[in-house]
Amino acid sequence: MAKRLQVLLDEAEYASIQNTARLQGLSVAEWVRQSLRNAQHGSPESIEAKLRAVAKAAQHEFPTADIDDMLREIDEGRGI
């Protein structure tokens, strides 16, 4: 059985949501349903995007040093 949910938004909030939904080719109602599902269960798209970003970053080799040495060098560069 479907249930109705009423949410009050000011005009600016509604216009912003309406525009976002339109850009995604969705009705406001469908955009809200998807947003609520994603908020409740986590968005699979965002999880996959995060995992891809971590995997991509892990491919790089950046210079690093001991944190105390790095902080000391930063302070020296600032003239502290």
N, C-alpha and C. Protein backbone atom coordinates (compact mmCIF):
# COMPACT_ATOMS: atom_id res chain seq x y z
N MET A 1 0.84 -1.17 0.00
CA MET A 1 0.00 0.00 0.00
C MET A 1 0.89 1.24 0.00
N ALA A 2 0.60 2.16 -0.86
CA ALA A 2 1.35 3.40 -0.94
C ALA A 2 0.89 4.36 0.15
N LYS A 3 1.81 5.16 0.63
CA LYS A 3 1.52 6.18 1.65
C LYS A 3 1.91 7.54 1.09
N ARG A 4 1.19 8.55 1.46
CA ARG A 4 1.47 9.91 1.04
C ARG A 4 2.33 10.58 2.10
N LEU A 5 3.35 11.31 1.64
CA LEU A 5 4.22 12.07 2.54
C LEU A 5 4.17 13.53 2.11
N GLN A 6 3.85 14.39 3.03
CA GLN A 6 3.78 15.81 2.71
C GLN A 6 4.96 16.52 3.38
N VAL A 7 5.70 17.26 2.57
CA VAL A 7 6.85 18.00 3.07
C VAL A 7 6.71 19.45 2.62
N LEU A 8 6.83 20.36 3.54
CA LEU A 8 6.72 21.78 3.21
C LEU A 8 8.09 22.36 2.94
N LEU A 9 8.22 23.04 1.81
CA LEU A 9 9.47 23.67 1.40
C LEU A 9 9.18 25.12 1.06
N ASP A 10 10.18 25.98 1.29
CA ASP A 10 9.97 27.34 0.82
C ASP A 10 10.15 27.36 -0.70
N GLU A 11 9.77 28.45 -1.32
CA GLU A 11 9.77 28.52 -2.78
C GLU A 11 11.15 28.31 -3.38
N ALA A 12 12.18 28.84 -2.74
CA ALA A 12 13.54 28.71 -3.28
C ALA A 12 14.01 27.25 -3.23
N GLU A 13 13.71 26.56 -2.13
CA GLU A 13 14.09 25.15 -2.03
C GLU A 13 13.37 24.32 -3.08
N TYR A 14 12.07 24.57 -3.22
CA TYR A 14 11.30 23.81 -4.20
C TYR A 14 11.80 24.06 -5.62
N ALA A 15 12.09 25.32 -5.94
CA ALA A 15 12.58 25.66 -7.28
C ALA A 15 13.91 24.96 -7.56
N SER A 16 14.78 24.90 -6.55
CA SER A 16 16.06 24.24 -6.71
C SER A 16 15.88 22.74 -6.97
N ILE A 17 15.01 22.11 -6.19
CA ILE A 17 14.73 20.68 -6.38
C ILE A 17 14.07 20.44 -7.73
N GLN A 18 13.15 21.30 -8.10
CA GLN A 18 12.46 21.17 -9.37
C GLN A 18 13.45 21.25 -10.53
N ASN A 19 14.38 22.18 -10.44
CA ASN A 19 15.40 22.34 -11.48
C ASN A 19 16.30 21.11 -11.55
N THR A 20 16.74 20.63 -10.39
CA THR A 20 17.60 19.44 -10.35
C THR A 20 16.89 18.23 -10.95
N ALA A 21 15.63 18.05 -10.58
CA ALA A 21 14.85 16.92 -11.11
C ALA A 21 14.70 17.04 -12.62
N ARG A 22 14.41 18.25 -13.10
CA ARG A 22 14.23 18.47 -14.54
C ARG A 22 15.52 18.15 -15.28
N LEU A 23 16.67 18.56 -14.74
CA LEU A 23 17.95 18.29 -15.38
C LEU A 23 18.24 16.78 -15.46
N GLN A 24 17.70 16.03 -14.52
CA GLN A 24 17.89 14.57 -14.50
C GLN A 24 16.78 13.84 -15.24
N GLY A 25 15.84 14.59 -15.81
CA GLY A 25 14.74 13.97 -16.54
C GLY A 25 13.73 13.28 -15.65
N LEU A 26 13.58 13.76 -14.42
CA LEU A 26 12.68 13.14 -13.46
C LEU A 26 11.62 14.13 -13.02
N SER A 27 10.49 13.59 -12.55
CA SER A 27 9.51 14.44 -11.88
C SER A 27 10.06 14.77 -10.50
N VAL A 28 9.52 15.79 -9.88
CA VAL A 28 9.94 16.14 -8.52
C VAL A 28 9.66 14.96 -7.59
N ALA A 29 8.50 14.33 -7.74
CA ALA A 29 8.14 13.21 -6.86
C ALA A 29 9.14 12.06 -7.00
N GLU A 30 9.49 11.71 -8.24
CA GLU A 30 10.45 10.62 -8.44
C GLU A 30 11.83 11.00 -7.91
N TRP A 31 12.23 12.25 -8.11
CA TRP A 31 13.53 12.70 -7.60
C TRP A 31 13.56 12.59 -6.08
N VAL A 32 12.47 12.98 -5.44
CA VAL A 32 12.40 12.90 -3.97
C VAL A 32 12.44 11.44 -3.52
N ARG A 33 11.68 10.56 -4.20
CA ARG A 33 11.70 9.13 -3.82
C ARG A 33 13.11 8.56 -3.94
N GLN A 34 13.78 8.85 -5.06
CA GLN A 34 15.15 8.34 -5.24
C GLN A 34 16.11 8.92 -4.21
N SER A 35 15.96 10.19 -3.92
CA SER A 35 16.83 10.84 -2.93
C SER A 35 16.64 10.23 -1.54
N LEU A 36 15.39 9.96 -1.18
CA LEU A 36 15.13 9.34 0.11
C LEU A 36 15.69 7.93 0.18
N ARG A 37 15.53 7.16 -0.91
CA ARG A 37 16.11 5.80 -0.94
C ARG A 37 17.62 5.86 -0.81
N ASN A 38 18.24 6.76 -1.56
CA ASN A 38 19.71 6.88 -1.50
C ASN A 38 20.18 7.30 -0.12
N ALA A 39 19.46 8.20 0.50
CA ALA A 39 19.84 8.65 1.84
C ALA A 39 19.69 7.53 2.86
N GLN A 40 18.68 6.71 2.67
CA GLN A 40 18.43 5.62 3.61
C GLN A 40 19.41 4.47 3.44
N HIS A 41 19.74 4.13 2.21
CA HIS A 41 20.54 2.95 1.94
C HIS A 41 21.93 3.26 1.41
N GLY A 42 22.25 4.51 1.24
CA GLY A 42 23.52 4.87 0.63
C GLY A 42 23.39 4.73 -0.87
N SER A 43 23.93 5.68 -1.57
CA SER A 43 23.84 5.67 -3.02
C SER A 43 24.89 4.74 -3.60
N PRO A 44 24.49 3.68 -4.32
CA PRO A 44 25.49 2.80 -4.93
C PRO A 44 26.41 3.55 -5.88
N GLU A 45 25.87 4.54 -6.56
CA GLU A 45 26.70 5.31 -7.49
C GLU A 45 27.80 6.04 -6.75
N SER A 46 27.46 6.65 -5.62
CA SER A 46 28.49 7.40 -4.89
C SER A 46 29.51 6.45 -4.27
N ILE A 47 29.09 5.28 -3.83
CA ILE A 47 30.03 4.32 -3.27
C ILE A 47 30.99 3.84 -4.34
N GLU A 48 30.45 3.51 -5.51
CA GLU A 48 31.30 3.07 -6.62
C GLU A 48 32.25 4.18 -7.05
N ALA A 49 31.76 5.40 -7.10
CA ALA A 49 32.62 6.52 -7.49
C ALA A 49 33.75 6.71 -6.49
N LYS A 50 33.46 6.57 -5.20
CA LYS A 50 34.49 6.69 -4.17
C LYS A 50 35.54 5.59 -4.31
N LEU A 51 35.07 4.36 -4.54
CA LEU A 51 36.00 3.25 -4.70
C LEU A 51 36.89 3.45 -5.93
N ARG A 52 36.32 3.95 -7.03
CA ARG A 52 37.13 4.23 -8.22
C ARG A 52 38.17 5.31 -7.93
N ALA A 53 37.78 6.33 -7.19
CA ALA A 53 38.71 7.41 -6.86
C ALA A 53 39.86 6.90 -5.99
N VAL A 54 39.55 6.04 -5.02
CA VAL A 54 40.60 5.48 -4.16
C VAL A 54 41.54 4.60 -4.98
N ALA A 55 40.96 3.77 -5.86
CA ALA A 55 41.79 2.89 -6.69
C ALA A 55 42.69 3.71 -7.61
N LYS A 56 42.16 4.78 -8.17
CA LYS A 56 42.95 5.63 -9.06
C LYS A 56 44.07 6.33 -8.28
N ALA A 57 43.76 6.82 -7.10
CA ALA A 57 44.77 7.50 -6.28
C ALA A 57 45.86 6.54 -5.83
N ALA A 58 45.49 5.29 -5.58
CA ALA A 58 46.47 4.31 -5.11
C ALA A 58 47.49 3.94 -6.18
N GLN A 59 47.20 4.27 -7.44
CA GLN A 59 48.13 3.96 -8.52
C GLN A 59 49.31 4.93 -8.56
N HIS A 60 49.18 6.06 -7.89
CA HIS A 60 50.22 7.09 -7.94
C HIS A 60 51.24 6.88 -6.83
N GLU A 61 52.46 7.36 -7.08
CA GLU A 61 53.49 7.34 -6.05
C GLU A 61 53.94 8.78 -5.85
N PHE A 62 53.54 9.34 -4.74
CA PHE A 62 53.90 10.71 -4.42
C PHE A 62 55.00 10.71 -3.37
N PRO A 63 55.85 11.73 -3.41
CA PRO A 63 56.89 11.80 -2.38
C PRO A 63 56.26 12.04 -1.02
N THR A 64 56.83 11.43 -0.03
CA THR A 64 56.32 11.59 1.32
C THR A 64 57.49 11.60 2.29
N ALA A 65 57.20 11.91 3.51
CA ALA A 65 58.24 11.95 4.54
C ALA A 65 57.55 11.72 5.89
N ASP A 66 58.37 11.66 6.89
CA ASP A 66 57.86 11.57 8.25
C ASP A 66 57.02 12.81 8.53
N ILE A 67 55.88 12.67 9.17
CA ILE A 67 54.97 13.79 9.40
C ILE A 67 55.63 14.91 10.19
N ASP A 68 56.45 14.56 11.18
CA ASP A 68 57.12 15.61 11.97
C ASP A 68 58.10 16.40 11.10
N ASP A 69 58.82 15.70 10.20
CA ASP A 69 59.72 16.40 9.28
C ASP A 69 58.94 17.32 8.34
N MET A 70 57.82 16.83 7.84
CA MET A 70 57.02 17.64 6.91
C MET A 70 56.49 18.89 7.61
N LEU A 71 55.98 18.73 8.82
CA LEU A 71 55.46 19.88 9.55
C LEU A 71 56.56 20.89 9.87
N ARG A 72 57.74 20.38 10.23
CA ARG A 72 58.86 21.27 10.51
C ARG A 72 59.23 22.06 9.25
N GLU A 73 59.29 21.38 8.10
CA GLU A 73 59.63 22.06 6.84
C GLU A 73 58.58 23.09 6.46
N ILE A 74 57.32 22.79 6.71
CA ILE A 74 56.25 23.76 6.43
C ILE A 74 56.44 24.98 7.30
N ASP A 75 56.68 24.75 8.60
CA ASP A 75 56.89 25.88 9.51
C ASP A 75 58.12 26.70 9.09
N GLU A 76 59.19 26.03 8.69
CA GLU A 76 60.40 26.76 8.25
C GLU A 76 60.08 27.58 7.01
N GLY A 77 59.28 27.05 6.10
CA GLY A 77 58.92 27.78 4.90
C GLY A 77 58.08 29.01 5.20
N ARG A 78 57.36 28.96 6.28
CA ARG A 78 56.53 30.11 6.69
C ARG A 78 57.33 31.11 7.52
N GLY A 79 58.55 30.72 7.85
CA GLY A 79 59.38 31.61 8.67
C GLY A 79 59.01 31.56 10.14
N ILE A 80 58.44 30.44 10.56
CA ILE A 80 58.04 30.31 11.97
C ILE A 80 59.19 29.77 12.78
